[in-house]
PDB file of all heavy atoms in Angstrom:
ATOM      1  N   GLU A   1     114.879 121.043 124.197  1.00  0.00           N
ATOM      2  CA  GLU A   1     115.544 119.752 124.055  1.00  0.00           C
ATOM      3  C   GLU A   1     115.079 119.046 122.778  1.00  0.00           C
ATOM      4  O   GLU A   1     113.903 119.125 122.393  1.00  0.00           O
ATOM      5  CB  GLU A   1     115.244 118.867 125.267  1.00  0.00           C
ATOM      6  CG  GLU A   1     115.861 119.355 126.569  1.00  0.00           C
ATOM      7  CD  GLU A   1     117.364 119.246 126.556  1.00  0.00           C
ATOM      8  OE1 GLU A   1     117.894 118.349 125.862  1.00  0.00           O
ATOM      9  OE2 GLU A   1     118.026 120.063 127.230  1.00  0.00           O
ATOM     10  N   LEU A   2     116.008 118.342 122.138  1.00  0.00           N
ATOM     11  CA  LEU A   2     115.699 117.672 120.875  1.00  0.00           C
ATOM     12  C   LEU A   2     114.598 116.628 121.051  1.00  0.00           C
ATOM     13  O   LEU A   2     113.732 116.490 120.175  1.00  0.00           O
ATOM     14  CB  LEU A   2     116.961 117.011 120.305  1.00  0.00           C
ATOM     15  CG  LEU A   2     116.793 116.254 118.983  1.00  0.00           C
ATOM     16  CD1 LEU A   2     116.247 117.168 117.897  1.00  0.00           C
ATOM     17  CD2 LEU A   2     118.117 115.631 118.550  1.00  0.00           C
ATOM     18  N   THR A   3     114.621 115.910 122.161  1.00  0.00           N
ATOM     19  CA  THR A   3     113.594 114.878 122.374  1.00  0.00           C
ATOM     20  C   THR A   3     112.203 115.486 122.324  1.00  0.00           C
ATOM     21  O   THR A   3     111.287 114.933 121.701  1.00  0.00           O
ATOM     22  CB  THR A   3     113.809 114.158 123.720  1.00  0.00           C
ATOM     23  OG1 THR A   3     115.076 113.508 123.698  1.00  0.00           O
ATOM     24  CG2 THR A   3     112.723 113.126 123.970  1.00  0.00           C
ATOM     25  N   GLY A   4     112.028 116.635 122.969  1.00  0.00           N
ATOM     26  CA  GLY A   4     110.729 117.294 122.964  1.00  0.00           C
ATOM     27  C   GLY A   4     110.337 117.797 121.592  1.00  0.00           C
ATOM     28  O   GLY A   4     109.177 117.668 121.164  1.00  0.00           O
ATOM     29  N   ARG A   5     111.304 118.380 120.871  1.00  0.00           N
ATOM     30  CA  ARG A   5     111.018 118.865 119.513  1.00  0.00           C
ATOM     31  C   ARG A   5     110.672 117.713 118.573  1.00  0.00           C
ATOM     32  O   ARG A   5     109.763 117.804 117.735  1.00  0.00           O
ATOM     33  CB  ARG A   5     112.224 119.636 118.974  1.00  0.00           C
ATOM     34  CG  ARG A   5     112.334 121.057 119.520  1.00  0.00           C
ATOM     35  CD  ARG A   5     113.447 121.821 118.836  1.00  0.00           C
ATOM     36  NE  ARG A   5     114.750 121.456 119.337  1.00  0.00           N
ATOM     37  CZ  ARG A   5     115.804 121.194 118.590  1.00  0.00           C
ATOM     38  NH1 ARG A   5     115.698 121.218 117.262  1.00  0.00           N
ATOM     39  NH2 ARG A   5     116.962 120.879 119.121  1.00  0.00           N
ATOM     40  N   PHE A   6     111.406 116.607 118.721  1.00  0.00           N
ATOM     41  CA  PHE A   6     111.144 115.422 117.891  1.00  0.00           C
ATOM     42  C   PHE A   6     109.745 114.880 118.163  1.00  0.00           C
ATOM     43  O   PHE A   6     108.991 114.559 117.242  1.00  0.00           O
ATOM     44  CB  PHE A   6     112.205 114.357 118.186  1.00  0.00           C
ATOM     45  CG  PHE A   6     112.044 113.080 117.405  1.00  0.00           C
ATOM     46  CD1 PHE A   6     112.256 113.044 116.038  1.00  0.00           C
ATOM     47  CD2 PHE A   6     111.692 111.904 118.054  1.00  0.00           C
ATOM     48  CE1 PHE A   6     112.109 111.858 115.320  1.00  0.00           C
ATOM     49  CE2 PHE A   6     111.549 110.715 117.346  1.00  0.00           C
ATOM     50  CZ  PHE A   6     111.755 110.697 115.978  1.00  0.00           C
ATOM     51  N   ASP A   7     109.381 114.808 119.442  1.00  0.00           N
ATOM     52  CA  ASP A   7     108.062 114.312 119.824  1.00  0.00           C
ATOM     53  C   ASP A   7     106.962 115.208 119.257  1.00  0.00           C
ATOM     54  O   ASP A   7     105.947 114.714 118.730  1.00  0.00           O
ATOM     55  CB  ASP A   7     107.966 114.261 121.351  1.00  0.00           C
ATOM     56  CG  ASP A   7     107.324 112.978 121.848  1.00  0.00           C
ATOM     57  OD1 ASP A   7     107.410 111.958 121.132  1.00  0.00           O
ATOM     58  OD2 ASP A   7     106.739 112.997 122.946  1.00  0.00           O
ATOM     59  N   ALA A   8     107.155 116.520 119.356  1.00  0.00           N
ATOM     60  CA  ALA A   8     106.154 117.461 118.860  1.00  0.00           C
ATOM     61  C   ALA A   8     106.033 117.380 117.339  1.00  0.00           C
ATOM     62  O   ALA A   8     104.925 117.445 116.786  1.00  0.00           O
ATOM     63  CB  ALA A   8     106.527 118.876 119.290  1.00  0.00           C
ATOM     64  N   TYR A   9     107.155 117.219 116.667  1.00  0.00           N
ATOM     65  CA  TYR A   9     107.151 117.114 115.207  1.00  0.00           C
ATOM     66  C   TYR A   9     106.418 115.846 114.761  1.00  0.00           C
ATOM     67  O   TYR A   9     105.594 115.886 113.835  1.00  0.00           O
ATOM     68  CB  TYR A   9     108.594 117.105 114.695  1.00  0.00           C
ATOM     69  CG  TYR A   9     108.731 116.812 113.216  1.00  0.00           C
ATOM     70  CD1 TYR A   9     108.395 117.767 112.260  1.00  0.00           C
ATOM     71  CD2 TYR A   9     109.206 115.570 112.774  1.00  0.00           C
ATOM     72  CE1 TYR A   9     108.518 117.503 110.902  1.00  0.00           C
ATOM     73  CE2 TYR A   9     109.329 115.303 111.415  1.00  0.00           C
ATOM     74  CZ  TYR A   9     108.980 116.273 110.490  1.00  0.00           C
ATOM     75  OH  TYR A   9     109.107 116.013 109.148  1.00  0.00           O
ATOM     76  N   ARG A  10     106.697 114.730 115.407  1.00  0.00           N
ATOM     77  CA  ARG A  10     106.071 113.459 115.012  1.00  0.00           C
ATOM     78  C   ARG A  10     104.569 113.441 115.278  1.00  0.00           C
ATOM     79  O   ARG A  10     103.841 112.627 114.681  1.00  0.00           O
ATOM     80  CB  ARG A  10     106.711 112.289 115.773  1.00  0.00           C
ATOM     81  CG  ARG A  10     108.100 111.913 115.337  1.00  0.00           C
ATOM     82  CD  ARG A  10     108.547 110.658 116.052  1.00  0.00           C
ATOM     83  NE  ARG A  10     108.147 109.450 115.364  1.00  0.00           N
ATOM     84  CZ  ARG A  10     108.193 108.233 115.904  1.00  0.00           C
ATOM     85  NH1 ARG A  10     108.604 108.085 117.156  1.00  0.00           N
ATOM     86  NH2 ARG A  10     107.833 107.182 115.213  1.00  0.00           N
ATOM     87  N   ALA A  11     104.110 114.297 116.188  1.00  0.00           N
ATOM     88  CA  ALA A  11     102.692 114.250 116.585  1.00  0.00           C
ATOM     89  C   ALA A  11     101.758 114.446 115.396  1.00  0.00           C
ATOM     90  O   ALA A  11     100.643 113.909 115.374  1.00  0.00           O
ATOM     91  CB  ALA A  11     102.417 115.308 117.656  1.00  0.00           C
ATOM     92  N   GLN A  12     102.214 115.197 114.377  1.00  0.00           N
ATOM     93  CA  GLN A  12     101.354 115.432 113.212  1.00  0.00           C
ATOM     94  C   GLN A  12     101.160 114.168 112.376  1.00  0.00           C
ATOM     95  O   GLN A  12     100.272 114.120 111.514  1.00  0.00           O
ATOM     96  CB  GLN A  12     101.950 116.539 112.337  1.00  0.00           C
ATOM     97  CG  GLN A  12     103.293 116.184 111.713  1.00  0.00           C
ATOM     98  CD  GLN A  12     103.916 117.307 110.924  1.00  0.00           C
ATOM     99  OE1 GLN A  12     103.277 117.857 110.014  1.00  0.00           O
ATOM    100  NE2 GLN A  12     105.147 117.673 111.263  1.00  0.00           N
ATOM    101  N   PHE A  13     101.977 113.147 112.647  1.00  0.00           N
ATOM    102  CA  PHE A  13     101.891 111.902 111.884  1.00  0.00           C
ATOM    103  C   PHE A  13     101.340 110.742 112.721  1.00  0.00           C
ATOM    104  O   PHE A  13     101.545 109.579 112.393  1.00  0.00           O
ATOM    105  CB  PHE A  13     103.260 111.545 111.306  1.00  0.00           C
ATOM    106  CG  PHE A  13     103.752 112.539 110.292  1.00  0.00           C
ATOM    107  CD1 PHE A  13     104.697 113.492 110.643  1.00  0.00           C
ATOM    108  CD2 PHE A  13     103.244 112.548 109.000  1.00  0.00           C
ATOM    109  CE1 PHE A  13     105.140 114.423 109.715  1.00  0.00           C
ATOM    110  CE2 PHE A  13     103.681 113.474 108.062  1.00  0.00           C
ATOM    111  CZ  PHE A  13     104.633 114.422 108.424  1.00  0.00           C
ATOM    112  N   ILE A  14     100.633 111.079 113.804  1.00  0.00           N
ATOM    113  CA  ILE A  14      99.960 110.056 114.603  1.00  0.00           C
ATOM    114  C   ILE A  14      98.624 109.713 113.938  1.00  0.00           C
ATOM    115  O   ILE A  14      97.821 110.599 113.629  1.00  0.00           O
ATOM    116  CB  ILE A  14      99.717 110.545 116.045  1.00  0.00           C
ATOM    117  CG1 ILE A  14     101.049 110.705 116.781  1.00  0.00           C
ATOM    118  CG2 ILE A  14      98.812 109.568 116.800  1.00  0.00           C
ATOM    119  CD1 ILE A  14     100.908 111.304 118.179  1.00  0.00           C
ATOM    120  N   VAL A  15      98.387 108.440 113.720  1.00  0.00           N
ATOM    121  CA  VAL A  15      97.120 107.998 113.132  1.00  0.00           C
ATOM    122  C   VAL A  15      96.033 108.113 114.196  1.00  0.00           C
ATOM    123  O   VAL A  15      96.172 107.539 115.291  1.00  0.00           O
ATOM    124  CB  VAL A  15      97.219 106.541 112.632  1.00  0.00           C
ATOM    125  CG1 VAL A  15      95.884 106.092 112.038  1.00  0.00           C
ATOM    126  CG2 VAL A  15      98.340 106.403 111.602  1.00  0.00           C
ATOM    127  N   PRO A  16      94.946 108.832 113.941  1.00  0.00           N
ATOM    128  CA  PRO A  16      93.863 108.931 114.921  1.00  0.00           C
ATOM    129  C   PRO A  16      93.345 107.548 115.297  1.00  0.00           C
ATOM    130  O   PRO A  16      93.224 106.663 114.439  1.00  0.00           O
ATOM    131  CB  PRO A  16      92.792 109.747 114.186  1.00  0.00           C
ATOM    132  CG  PRO A  16      93.548 110.527 113.151  1.00  0.00           C
ATOM    133  CD  PRO A  16      94.678 109.622 112.729  1.00  0.00           C
ATOM    134  N   GLU A  17      93.056 107.363 116.561  1.00  0.00           N
ATOM    135  CA  GLU A  17      92.702 106.025 117.055  1.00  0.00           C
ATOM    136  C   GLU A  17      91.544 105.410 116.288  1.00  0.00           C
ATOM    137  O   GLU A  17      91.559 104.214 115.973  1.00  0.00           O
ATOM    138  CB  GLU A  17      92.373 106.095 118.550  1.00  0.00           C
ATOM    139  CG  GLU A  17      92.213 104.738 119.193  1.00  0.00           C
ATOM    140  CD  GLU A  17      92.118 104.810 120.703  1.00  0.00           C
ATOM    141  OE1 GLU A  17      92.567 105.823 121.277  1.00  0.00           O
ATOM    142  OE2 GLU A  17      91.585 103.863 121.318  1.00  0.00           O
ATOM    143  N   HIS A  18      90.524 106.212 115.962  1.00  0.00           N
ATOM    144  CA  HIS A  18      89.356 105.652 115.278  1.00  0.00           C
ATOM    145  C   HIS A  18      89.632 105.294 113.822  1.00  0.00           C
ATOM    146  O   HIS A  18      88.838 104.597 113.179  1.00  0.00           O
ATOM    147  CB  HIS A  18      88.173 106.624 115.360  1.00  0.00           C
ATOM    148  CG  HIS A  18      88.364 107.903 114.580  1.00  0.00           C
ATOM    149  ND1 HIS A  18      89.182 108.931 115.020  1.00  0.00           N
ATOM    150  CD2 HIS A  18      87.857 108.312 113.378  1.00  0.00           C
ATOM    151  CE1 HIS A  18      89.164 109.921 114.143  1.00  0.00           C
ATOM    152  NE2 HIS A  18      88.381 109.574 113.135  1.00  0.00           N
ATOM    153  N   GLN A  19      90.789 105.757 113.285  1.00  0.00           N
ATOM    154  CA  GLN A  19      91.155 105.438 111.907  1.00  0.00           C
ATOM    155  C   GLN A  19      92.155 104.286 111.811  1.00  0.00           C
ATOM    156  O   GLN A  19      92.455 103.817 110.705  1.00  0.00           O
ATOM    157  CB  GLN A  19      91.775 106.672 111.222  1.00  0.00           C
ATOM    158  CG  GLN A  19      90.926 107.932 111.257  1.00  0.00           C
ATOM    159  CD  GLN A  19      89.738 107.856 110.301  1.00  0.00           C
ATOM    160  OE1 GLN A  19      89.238 106.784 109.999  1.00  0.00           O
ATOM    161  NE2 GLN A  19      89.265 109.003 109.837  1.00  0.00           N
ATOM    162  N   ILE A  20      92.671 103.853 112.954  1.00  0.00           N
ATOM    163  CA  ILE A  20      93.723 102.828 112.942  1.00  0.00           C
ATOM    164  C   ILE A  20      93.284 101.540 112.238  1.00  0.00           C
ATOM    165  O   ILE A  20      94.047 101.003 111.409  1.00  0.00           O
ATOM    166  CB  ILE A  20      94.215 102.535 114.375  1.00  0.00           C
ATOM    167  CG1 ILE A  20      95.032 103.734 114.888  1.00  0.00           C
ATOM    168  CG2 ILE A  20      95.069 101.262 114.416  1.00  0.00           C
ATOM    169  CD1 ILE A  20      95.481 103.596 116.334  1.00  0.00           C
ATOM    170  N   PRO A  21      92.103 100.991 112.517  1.00  0.00           N
ATOM    171  CA  PRO A  21      91.741  99.719 111.866  1.00  0.00           C
ATOM    172  C   PRO A  21      91.813  99.764 110.335  1.00  0.00           C
ATOM    173  O   PRO A  21      92.397  98.865 109.714  1.00  0.00           O
ATOM    174  CB  PRO A  21      90.310  99.464 112.356  1.00  0.00           C
ATOM    175  CG  PRO A  21      90.257 100.145 113.692  1.00  0.00           C
ATOM    176  CD  PRO A  21      91.077 101.395 113.511  1.00  0.00           C
ATOM    177  N   LYS A  22      91.263 100.795 109.727  1.00  0.00           N
ATOM    178  CA  LYS A  22      91.263 100.808 108.252  1.00  0.00           C
ATOM    179  C   LYS A  22      92.640 101.163 107.696  1.00  0.00           C
ATOM    180  O   LYS A  22      93.027 100.651 106.636  1.00  0.00           O
ATOM    181  CB  LYS A  22      90.190 101.749 107.715  1.00  0.00           C
ATOM    182  CG  LYS A  22      90.358 103.214 108.029  1.00  0.00           C
ATOM    183  CD  LYS A  22      89.198 104.003 107.418  1.00  0.00           C
ATOM    184  CE  LYS A  22      89.317 105.500 107.706  1.00  0.00           C
ATOM    185  NZ  LYS A  22      88.152 106.256 107.137  1.00  0.00           N
ATOM    186  N   VAL A  23      93.408 102.014 108.400  1.00  0.00           N
ATOM    187  CA  VAL A  23      94.742 102.364 107.902  1.00  0.00           C
ATOM    188  C   VAL A  23      95.666 101.161 107.995  1.00  0.00           C
ATOM    189  O   VAL A  23      96.390 100.831 107.042  1.00  0.00           O
ATOM    190  CB  VAL A  23      95.324 103.561 108.685  1.00  0.00           C
ATOM    191  CG1 VAL A  23      96.760 103.844 108.238  1.00  0.00           C
ATOM    192  CG2 VAL A  23      94.458 104.798 108.481  1.00  0.00           C
ATOM    193  N   PHE A  24      95.640 100.474 109.138  1.00  0.00           N
ATOM    194  CA  PHE A  24      96.522  99.317 109.295  1.00  0.00           C
ATOM    195  C   PHE A  24      96.105  98.186 108.369  1.00  0.00           C
ATOM    196  O   PHE A  24      96.957  97.499 107.787  1.00  0.00           O
ATOM    197  CB  PHE A  24      96.534  98.841 110.749  1.00  0.00           C
ATOM    198  CG  PHE A  24      97.507  97.724 111.002  1.00  0.00           C
ATOM    199  CD1 PHE A  24      98.875  97.949 110.923  1.00  0.00           C
ATOM    200  CD2 PHE A  24      97.064  96.441 111.290  1.00  0.00           C
ATOM    201  CE1 PHE A  24      99.782  96.923 111.138  1.00  0.00           C
ATOM    202  CE2 PHE A  24      97.966  95.414 111.509  1.00  0.00           C
ATOM    203  CZ  PHE A  24      99.329  95.654 111.435  1.00  0.00           C
ATOM    204  N   SER A  25      94.804  97.968 108.203  1.00  0.00           N
ATOM    205  CA  SER A  25      94.338  96.919 107.290  1.00  0.00           C
ATOM    206  C   SER A  25      94.780  97.202 105.859  1.00  0.00           C
ATOM    207  O   SER A  25      95.181  96.286 105.130  1.00  0.00           O
ATOM    208  CB  SER A  25      92.805  96.811 107.345  1.00  0.00           C
ATOM    209  OG  SER A  25      92.372  96.350 108.616  1.00  0.00           O
ATOM    210  N   ALA A  26      94.751  98.470 105.457  1.00  0.00           N
ATOM    211  CA  ALA A  26      95.207  98.830 104.112  1.00  0.00           C
ATOM    212  C   ALA A  26      96.695  98.555 103.955  1.00  0.00           C
ATOM    213  O   ALA A  26      97.150  98.103 102.891  1.00  0.00           O
ATOM    214  CB  ALA A  26      94.916 100.305 103.848  1.00  0.00           C
ATOM    215  N   ALA A  27      97.467  98.792 105.021  1.00  0.00           N
ATOM    216  CA  ALA A  27      98.905  98.524 104.979  1.00  0.00           C
ATOM    217  C   ALA A  27      99.171  97.028 104.853  1.00  0.00           C
ATOM    218  O   ALA A  27     100.034  96.601 104.076  1.00  0.00           O
ATOM    219  CB  ALA A  27      99.579  99.081 106.227  1.00  0.00           C
ATOM    220  N   VAL A  28      98.426  96.225 105.601  1.00  0.00           N
ATOM    221  CA  VAL A  28      98.614  94.777 105.531  1.00  0.00           C
ATOM    222  C   VAL A  28      98.240  94.246 104.155  1.00  0.00           C
ATOM    223  O   VAL A  28      98.948  93.410 103.583  1.00  0.00           O
ATOM    224  CB  VAL A  28      97.792  94.060 106.627  1.00  0.00           C
ATOM    225  CG1 VAL A  28      97.870  92.542 106.458  1.00  0.00           C
ATOM    226  CG2 VAL A  28      98.298  94.436 108.019  1.00  0.00           C
ATOM    227  N   GLU A  29      97.144  94.729 103.601  1.00  0.00           N
ATOM    228  CA  GLU A  29      96.718  94.273 102.273  1.00  0.00           C
ATOM    229  C   GLU A  29      97.744  94.648 101.207  1.00  0.00           C
ATOM    230  O   GLU A  29      98.014  93.870 100.283  1.00  0.00           O
ATOM    231  CB  GLU A  29      95.349  94.857 101.929  1.00  0.00           C
ATOM    232  CG  GLU A  29      94.200  94.255 102.721  1.00  0.00           C
ATOM    233  CD  GLU A  29      94.061  92.753 102.546  1.00  0.00           C
ATOM    234  OE1 GLU A  29      94.469  92.219 101.491  1.00  0.00           O
ATOM    235  OE2 GLU A  29      93.567  92.098 103.481  1.00  0.00           O
ATOM    236  N   LYS A  30      98.341  95.833 101.346  1.00  0.00           N
ATOM    237  CA  LYS A  30      99.358  96.240 100.381  1.00  0.00           C
ATOM    238  C   LYS A  30     100.595  95.355 100.491  1.00  0.00           C
ATOM    239  O   LYS A  30     101.163  94.923  99.480  1.00  0.00           O
ATOM    240  CB  LYS A  30      99.749  97.701 100.612  1.00  0.00           C
ATOM    241  CG  LYS A  30     100.767  98.247  99.599  1.00  0.00           C
ATOM    242  CD  LYS A  30     100.202  98.242  98.180  1.00  0.00           C
ATOM    243  CE  LYS A  30     101.150  98.900  97.196  1.00  0.00           C
ATOM    244  NZ  LYS A  30     100.613  98.892  95.812  1.00  0.00           N
ATOM    245  N   SER A  31     101.013  95.071 101.707  1.00  0.00           N
ATOM    246  CA  SER A  31     102.191  94.219 101.889  1.00  0.00           C
ATOM    247  C   SER A  31     101.919  92.807 101.381  1.00  0.00           C
ATOM    248  O   SER A  31     102.809  92.160 100.811  1.00  0.00           O
ATOM    249  CB  SER A  31     102.625  94.194 103.358  1.00  0.00           C
ATOM    250  OG  SER A  31     101.662  93.571 104.184  1.00  0.00           O
ATOM    251  N   ARG A  32     100.695  92.327 101.544  1.00  0.00           N
ATOM    252  CA  ARG A  32     100.332  91.008 101.013  1.00  0.00           C
ATOM    253  C   ARG A  32     100.359  91.004  99.489  1.00  0.00           C
ATOM    254  O   ARG A  32     100.885  90.076  98.854  1.00  0.00           O
ATOM    255  CB  ARG A  32      98.943  90.593 101.500  1.00  0.00           C
ATOM    256  CG  ARG A  32      98.557  89.179 101.066  1.00  0.00           C
ATOM    257  CD  ARG A  32      97.126  88.840 101.438  1.00  0.00           C
ATOM    258  NE  ARG A  32      96.857  87.440 101.198  1.00  0.00           N
ATOM    259  CZ  ARG A  32      96.550  86.923 100.005  1.00  0.00           C
ATOM    260  NH1 ARG A  32      96.491  87.699  98.934  1.00  0.00           N
ATOM    261  NH2 ARG A  32      96.323  85.619  99.869  1.00  0.00           N
ATOM    262  N   GLU A  33      99.794  92.053  98.891  1.00  0.00           N
ATOM    263  CA  GLU A  33      99.765  92.157  97.422  1.00  0.00           C
ATOM    264  C   GLU A  33     101.180  92.135  96.841  1.00  0.00           C
ATOM    265  O   GLU A  33     101.464  91.405  95.875  1.00  0.00           O
ATOM    266  CB  GLU A  33      99.056  93.450  97.036  1.00  0.00           C
ATOM    267  CG  GLU A  33      99.122  93.799  95.556  1.00  0.00           C
ATOM    268  CD  GLU A  33      98.744  95.241  95.288  1.00  0.00           C
ATOM    269  OE1 GLU A  33      97.892  95.791  96.031  1.00  0.00           O
ATOM    270  OE2 GLU A  33      99.303  95.833  94.354  1.00  0.00           O
ATOM    271  N   LEU A  34     102.080  92.907  97.422  1.00  0.00           N
ATOM    272  CA  LEU A  34     103.445  92.984  96.909  1.00  0.00           C
ATOM    273  C   LEU A  34     104.199  91.680  97.132  1.00  0.00           C
ATOM    274  O   LEU A  34     104.970  91.242  96.267  1.00  0.00           O
ATOM    275  CB  LEU A  34     104.177  94.147  97.580  1.00  0.00           C
ATOM    276  CG  LEU A  34     103.635  95.543  97.254  1.00  0.00           C
ATOM    277  CD1 LEU A  34     104.294  96.593  98.126  1.00  0.00           C
ATOM    278  CD2 LEU A  34     103.842  95.869  95.775  1.00  0.00           C
ATOM    279  N   THR A  35     103.977  91.047  98.274  1.00  0.00           N
ATOM    280  CA  THR A  35     104.655  89.780  98.569  1.00  0.00           C
ATOM    281  C   THR A  35     104.176  88.671  97.639  1.00  0.00           C
ATOM    282  O   THR A  35     104.981  87.870  97.141  1.00  0.00           O
ATOM    283  CB  THR A  35     104.426  89.379 100.031  1.00  0.00           C
ATOM    284  OG1 THR A  35     104.978  90.388 100.890  1.00  0.00           O
ATOM    285  CG2 THR A  35     105.062  88.037 100.352  1.00  0.00           C
ATOM    286  N   SER A  36     102.881  88.625  97.377  1.00  0.00           N
ATOM    287  CA  SER A  36     102.320  87.547  96.553  1.00  0.00           C
ATOM    288  C   SER A  36     102.776  87.639  95.098  1.00  0.00           C
ATOM    289  O   SER A  36     102.632  86.685  94.337  1.00  0.00           O
ATOM    290  CB  SER A  36     100.790  87.570  96.629  1.00  0.00           C
ATOM    291  OG  SER A  36     100.269  88.760  96.066  1.00  0.00           O
ATOM    292  N   THR A  37     103.334  88.775  94.699  1.00  0.00           N
ATOM    293  CA  THR A  37     103.889  88.907  93.350  1.00  0.00           C
ATOM    294  C   THR A  37     105.113  88.013  93.181  1.00  0.00           C
ATOM    295  O   THR A  37     105.389  87.515  92.083  1.00  0.00           O
ATOM    296  CB  THR A  37     104.287  90.376  93.075  1.00  0.00           C
ATOM    297  OG1 THR A  37     103.128  91.203  93.223  1.00  0.00           O
ATOM    298  CG2 THR A  37     104.857  90.540  91.670  1.00  0.00           C
ATOM    299  N   TYR A  38     105.815  87.775  94.277  1.00  0.00           N
ATOM    300  CA  TYR A  38     107.078  87.023  94.211  1.00  0.00           C
ATOM    301  C   TYR A  38     107.004  85.655  94.888  1.00  0.00           C
ATOM    302  O   TYR A  38     107.797  84.770  94.571  1.00  0.00           O
ATOM    303  CB  TYR A  38     108.193  87.837  94.871  1.00  0.00           C
ATOM    304  CG  TYR A  38     108.543  89.082  94.099  1.00  0.00           C
ATOM    305  CD1 TYR A  38     107.905  90.289  94.369  1.00  0.00           C
ATOM    306  CD2 TYR A  38     109.485  89.048  93.072  1.00  0.00           C
ATOM    307  CE1 TYR A  38     108.209  91.440  93.647  1.00  0.00           C
ATOM    308  CE2 TYR A  38     109.798  90.191  92.347  1.00  0.00           C
ATOM    309  CZ  TYR A  38     109.155  91.380  92.636  1.00  0.00           C
ATOM    310  OH  TYR A  38     109.452  92.515  91.913  1.00  0.00           O
ATOM    311  N   ILE A  39     106.061  85.474  95.813  1.00  0.00           N
ATOM    312  CA  ILE A  39     105.983  84.212  96.546  1.00  0.00           C
ATOM    313  C   ILE A  39     104.566  83.663  96.459  1.00  0.00           C
ATOM    314  O   ILE A  39     103.592  84.383  96.712  1.00  0.00           O
ATOM    315  CB  ILE A  39     106.390  84.399  98.021  1.00  0.00           C
ATOM    316  CG1 ILE A  39     107.867  84.818  98.099  1.00  0.00           C
ATOM    317  CG2 ILE A  39     106.176  83.115  98.820  1.00  0.00           C
ATOM    318  CD1 ILE A  39     108.378  85.029  99.511  1.00  0.00           C
ATOM    319  N   ASP A  40     104.459  82.394  96.125  1.00  0.00           N
ATOM    320  CA  ASP A  40     103.159  81.730  96.011  1.00  0.00           C
ATOM    321  C   ASP A  40     102.592  81.495  97.409  1.00  0.00           C
ATOM    322  O   ASP A  40     103.192  80.786  98.219  1.00  0.00           O
ATOM    323  CB  ASP A  40     103.329  80.403  95.270  1.00  0.00           C
ATOM    324  CG  ASP A  40     102.025  79.653  95.129  1.00  0.00           C
ATOM    325  OD1 ASP A  40     100.994  80.318  94.921  1.00  0.00           O
ATOM    326  OD2 ASP A  40     102.029  78.411  95.244  1.00  0.00           O
ATOM    327  N   LEU A  41     101.438  82.080  97.694  1.00  0.00           N
ATOM    328  CA  LEU A  41     100.805  81.946  99.000  1.00  0.00           C
ATOM    329  C   LEU A  41      99.691  80.900  98.949  1.00  0.00           C
ATOM    330  O   LEU A  41      98.999  80.785  97.940  1.00  0.00           O
ATOM    331  CB  LEU A  41     100.211  83.287  99.446  1.00  0.00           C
ATOM    332  CG  LEU A  41     101.194  84.456  99.589  1.00  0.00           C
ATOM    333  CD1 LEU A  41     100.432  85.738  99.914  1.00  0.00           C
ATOM    334  CD2 LEU A  41     102.225  84.161 100.661  1.00  0.00           C
ATOM    335  N   PRO A  42      99.499  80.150 100.018  1.00  0.00           N
ATOM    336  CA  PRO A  42      98.396  79.181 100.055  1.00  0.00           C
ATOM    337  C   PRO A  42      97.051  79.891  99.908  1.00  0.00           C
ATOM    338  O   PRO A  42      96.877  81.013 100.405  1.00  0.00           O
ATOM    339  CB  PRO A  42      98.526  78.545 101.452  1.00  0.00           C
ATOM    340  CG  PRO A  42      99.924  78.819 101.886  1.00  0.00           C
ATOM    341  CD  PRO A  42     100.297  80.125 101.266  1.00  0.00           C
ATOM    342  N   GLU A  43      96.112  79.236  99.266  1.00  0.00           N
ATOM    343  CA  GLU A  43      94.811  79.867  99.029  1.00  0.00           C
ATOM    344  C   GLU A  43      94.077  80.190 100.322  1.00  0.00           C
ATOM    345  O   GLU A  43      93.362  81.187 100.396  1.00  0.00           O
ATOM    346  CB  GLU A  43      93.934  78.945  98.154  1.00  0.00           C
ATOM    347  CG  GLU A  43      94.388  78.871  96.699  1.00  0.00           C
ATOM    348  CD  GLU A  43      93.423  78.073  95.844  1.00  0.00           C
ATOM    349  OE1 GLU A  43      92.371  77.660  96.375  1.00  0.00           O
ATOM    350  OE2 GLU A  43      93.721  77.863  94.657  1.00  0.00           O
ATOM    351  N   ASN A  44      94.234  79.343 101.339  1.00  0.00           N
ATOM    352  CA  ASN A  44      93.455  79.533 102.564  1.00  0.00           C
ATOM    353  C   ASN A  44      94.193  80.322 103.636  1.00  0.00           C
ATOM    354  O   ASN A  44      93.745  80.404 104.777  1.00  0.00           O
ATOM    355  CB  ASN A  44      93.037  78.177 103.142  1.00  0.00           C
ATOM    356  CG  ASN A  44      94.228  77.354 103.599  1.00  0.00           C
ATOM    357  OD1 ASN A  44      95.295  77.400 102.988  1.00  0.00           O
ATOM    358  ND2 ASN A  44      94.062  76.588 104.674  1.00  0.00           N
TER     359      ASN A  44
END
């Protein structure tokens, strides 16, 4: 079934639980950096 094949294929792209904090934090920092190029953000 396609659902099972899709699930198995995506499994290789699961972020290991112990790596989630640093991977997600890096994603947030990148999105902030790109956004601040176009929109003035408050200092605090």
